[in-house]
Amino acid sequence: MKTENKGVETITVSGKKVEAIRVKWGSTGLRSKFYSQTFWFRKSDGVYLKSKVEHGEFSELISEE
């Protein structure tokens, strides 16, 4: 497995713009073409915001308590 920090970008979560760190996680070698996932974490405190599976499925933080 391999993890890459892809840098900081501004994304929209629950209608709000947030600075986030994008991290790509996946297999190495030949398997890397078949599976990877991207995660976004809030830059200010590292809280999970959103993820995307290579097939285009998204999971997103809905609310905070």
N, C-alpha and C. Protein backbone atom coordinates (compact mmCIF):
# COMPACT_ATOMS: atom_id res chain seq x y z
N MET A 1 0.84 -1.17 0.00
CA MET A 1 0.00 0.00 0.00
C MET A 1 0.89 1.25 0.00
N LYS A 2 0.33 2.31 -0.54
CA LYS A 2 1.07 3.55 -0.68
C LYS A 2 0.13 4.73 -0.40
N THR A 3 0.66 5.74 0.29
CA THR A 3 -0.09 6.95 0.57
C THR A 3 0.68 8.15 0.05
N GLU A 4 -0.01 9.06 -0.63
CA GLU A 4 0.62 10.27 -1.16
C GLU A 4 -0.15 11.51 -0.73
N ASN A 5 0.56 12.51 -0.20
CA ASN A 5 -0.03 13.80 0.10
C ASN A 5 -0.07 14.57 -1.21
N LYS A 6 -1.27 14.91 -1.66
CA LYS A 6 -1.44 15.60 -2.95
C LYS A 6 -1.58 17.11 -2.78
N GLY A 7 -1.43 17.62 -1.55
CA GLY A 7 -1.44 19.06 -1.33
C GLY A 7 -2.76 19.58 -0.80
N VAL A 8 -2.82 20.91 -0.70
CA VAL A 8 -3.98 21.60 -0.13
C VAL A 8 -4.85 22.14 -1.26
N GLU A 9 -6.17 22.01 -1.09
CA GLU A 9 -7.12 22.56 -2.06
C GLU A 9 -8.37 23.00 -1.31
N THR A 10 -9.16 23.82 -1.94
CA THR A 10 -10.42 24.27 -1.36
C THR A 10 -11.55 23.43 -1.92
N ILE A 11 -12.33 22.81 -1.01
CA ILE A 11 -13.46 21.98 -1.43
C ILE A 11 -14.73 22.51 -0.76
N THR A 12 -15.87 22.06 -1.22
CA THR A 12 -17.14 22.44 -0.63
C THR A 12 -17.72 21.25 0.11
N VAL A 13 -18.03 21.45 1.39
CA VAL A 13 -18.61 20.40 2.23
C VAL A 13 -19.82 21.01 2.93
N SER A 14 -20.97 20.41 2.75
CA SER A 14 -22.22 20.90 3.33
C SER A 14 -22.46 22.37 3.01
N GLY A 15 -22.13 22.76 1.78
CA GLY A 15 -22.36 24.12 1.32
C GLY A 15 -21.33 25.15 1.76
N LYS A 16 -20.27 24.72 2.47
CA LYS A 16 -19.24 25.64 2.94
C LYS A 16 -17.90 25.33 2.30
N LYS A 17 -17.16 26.37 1.93
CA LYS A 17 -15.82 26.19 1.37
C LYS A 17 -14.85 25.93 2.52
N VAL A 18 -14.00 24.91 2.35
CA VAL A 18 -13.06 24.50 3.40
C VAL A 18 -11.72 24.20 2.77
N GLU A 19 -10.62 24.66 3.41
CA GLU A 19 -9.29 24.29 2.96
C GLU A 19 -9.02 22.87 3.46
N ALA A 20 -8.63 21.99 2.54
CA ALA A 20 -8.45 20.58 2.88
C ALA A 20 -7.16 20.04 2.29
N ILE A 21 -6.61 19.05 2.97
CA ILE A 21 -5.44 18.32 2.48
C ILE A 21 -5.97 17.08 1.77
N ARG A 22 -5.54 16.89 0.53
CA ARG A 22 -5.97 15.72 -0.25
C ARG A 22 -4.91 14.64 -0.15
N VAL A 23 -5.32 13.43 0.21
CA VAL A 23 -4.42 12.29 0.38
C VAL A 23 -4.91 11.16 -0.51
N LYS A 24 -4.03 10.62 -1.33
CA LYS A 24 -4.38 9.48 -2.19
C LYS A 24 -3.78 8.22 -1.56
N TRP A 25 -4.61 7.18 -1.45
CA TRP A 25 -4.21 5.93 -0.84
C TRP A 25 -4.54 4.80 -1.79
N GLY A 26 -3.62 3.83 -1.94
CA GLY A 26 -3.92 2.72 -2.83
C GLY A 26 -2.84 1.67 -2.86
N SER A 27 -3.04 0.73 -3.74
CA SER A 27 -2.10 -0.37 -3.92
C SER A 27 -0.89 0.09 -4.71
N THR A 28 0.13 -0.74 -4.69
CA THR A 28 1.33 -0.48 -5.49
C THR A 28 1.41 -1.50 -6.62
N GLY A 29 2.30 -1.25 -7.54
CA GLY A 29 2.50 -2.19 -8.64
C GLY A 29 1.30 -2.29 -9.57
N LEU A 30 1.07 -3.50 -10.11
CA LEU A 30 -0.02 -3.72 -11.06
C LEU A 30 -1.39 -3.44 -10.44
N ARG A 31 -1.55 -3.70 -9.15
CA ARG A 31 -2.83 -3.49 -8.49
C ARG A 31 -3.22 -2.02 -8.42
N SER A 32 -2.25 -1.11 -8.56
CA SER A 32 -2.54 0.32 -8.45
C SER A 32 -3.52 0.81 -9.52
N LYS A 33 -3.59 0.12 -10.64
CA LYS A 33 -4.51 0.51 -11.71
C LYS A 33 -5.96 0.15 -11.38
N PHE A 34 -6.14 -0.75 -10.41
CA PHE A 34 -7.48 -1.25 -10.11
C PHE A 34 -8.09 -0.67 -8.84
N TYR A 35 -7.27 -0.14 -7.95
CA TYR A 35 -7.84 0.36 -6.70
C TYR A 35 -7.04 1.53 -6.14
N SER A 36 -7.74 2.60 -5.88
CA SER A 36 -7.19 3.72 -5.11
C SER A 36 -8.35 4.48 -4.51
N GLN A 37 -8.05 5.24 -3.49
CA GLN A 37 -9.07 6.02 -2.81
C GLN A 37 -8.44 7.36 -2.46
N THR A 38 -9.24 8.42 -2.52
CA THR A 38 -8.76 9.75 -2.17
C THR A 38 -9.54 10.23 -0.95
N PHE A 39 -8.81 10.80 0.01
CA PHE A 39 -9.39 11.33 1.23
C PHE A 39 -9.08 12.81 1.33
N TRP A 40 -10.00 13.58 1.90
CA TRP A 40 -9.76 15.00 2.19
C TRP A 40 -9.92 15.19 3.69
N PHE A 41 -8.95 15.88 4.29
CA PHE A 41 -8.96 16.18 5.72
C PHE A 41 -8.86 17.69 5.89
N ARG A 42 -9.61 18.24 6.84
CA ARG A 42 -9.57 19.68 7.07
C ARG A 42 -8.15 20.09 7.47
N LYS A 43 -7.64 21.11 6.81
CA LYS A 43 -6.27 21.57 7.03
C LYS A 43 -6.05 22.04 8.47
N SER A 44 -7.02 22.72 9.04
CA SER A 44 -6.84 23.32 10.36
C SER A 44 -6.69 22.32 11.50
N ASP A 45 -7.39 21.16 11.42
CA ASP A 45 -7.34 20.22 12.54
C ASP A 45 -7.30 18.74 12.14
N GLY A 46 -7.25 18.44 10.85
CA GLY A 46 -7.12 17.06 10.40
C GLY A 46 -8.40 16.24 10.42
N VAL A 47 -9.54 16.86 10.66
CA VAL A 47 -10.82 16.13 10.68
C VAL A 47 -11.16 15.63 9.28
N TYR A 48 -11.61 14.37 9.20
CA TYR A 48 -12.06 13.77 7.94
C TYR A 48 -13.22 14.57 7.37
N LEU A 49 -13.16 14.89 6.08
CA LEU A 49 -14.23 15.62 5.42
C LEU A 49 -14.94 14.80 4.35
N LYS A 50 -14.16 14.06 3.55
CA LYS A 50 -14.75 13.45 2.36
C LYS A 50 -13.79 12.38 1.83
N SER A 51 -14.34 11.39 1.13
CA SER A 51 -13.50 10.41 0.44
C SER A 51 -14.14 10.05 -0.89
N LYS A 52 -13.32 9.56 -1.80
CA LYS A 52 -13.78 9.15 -3.12
C LYS A 52 -13.09 7.85 -3.51
N VAL A 53 -13.89 6.85 -3.83
CA VAL A 53 -13.36 5.60 -4.36
C VAL A 53 -13.12 5.80 -5.85
N GLU A 54 -12.17 5.12 -6.39
CA GLU A 54 -11.80 5.29 -7.80
C GLU A 54 -12.99 5.21 -8.75
N HIS A 55 -14.03 4.47 -8.39
CA HIS A 55 -15.20 4.31 -9.26
C HIS A 55 -16.12 5.53 -9.24
N GLY A 56 -15.78 6.56 -8.46
CA GLY A 56 -16.58 7.77 -8.44
C GLY A 56 -17.57 7.87 -7.29
N GLU A 57 -17.59 6.90 -6.38
CA GLU A 57 -18.48 6.95 -5.24
C GLU A 57 -17.89 7.89 -4.18
N PHE A 58 -18.72 8.76 -3.62
CA PHE A 58 -18.27 9.70 -2.60
C PHE A 58 -18.88 9.39 -1.25
N SER A 59 -18.15 9.71 -0.21
CA SER A 59 -18.63 9.68 1.16
C SER A 59 -18.22 11.03 1.76
N GLU A 60 -19.14 11.70 2.48
CA GLU A 60 -18.86 13.05 2.94
C GLU A 60 -19.36 13.26 4.36
N LEU A 61 -18.63 14.07 5.12
CA LEU A 61 -19.05 14.47 6.45
C LEU A 61 -20.34 15.27 6.32
N ILE A 62 -21.36 14.91 7.08
CA ILE A 62 -22.65 15.58 6.99
C ILE A 62 -22.77 16.68 8.02
N SER A 63 -22.38 16.40 9.25
CA SER A 63 -22.50 17.42 10.30
C SER A 63 -21.46 17.17 11.38
N GLU A 64 -21.25 18.19 12.19
CA GLU A 64 -20.34 18.09 13.34
C GLU A 64 -21.13 18.40 14.59
N GLU A 65 -20.74 17.76 15.70
CA GLU A 65 -21.40 18.05 16.96
C GLU A 65 -20.52 18.90 17.82
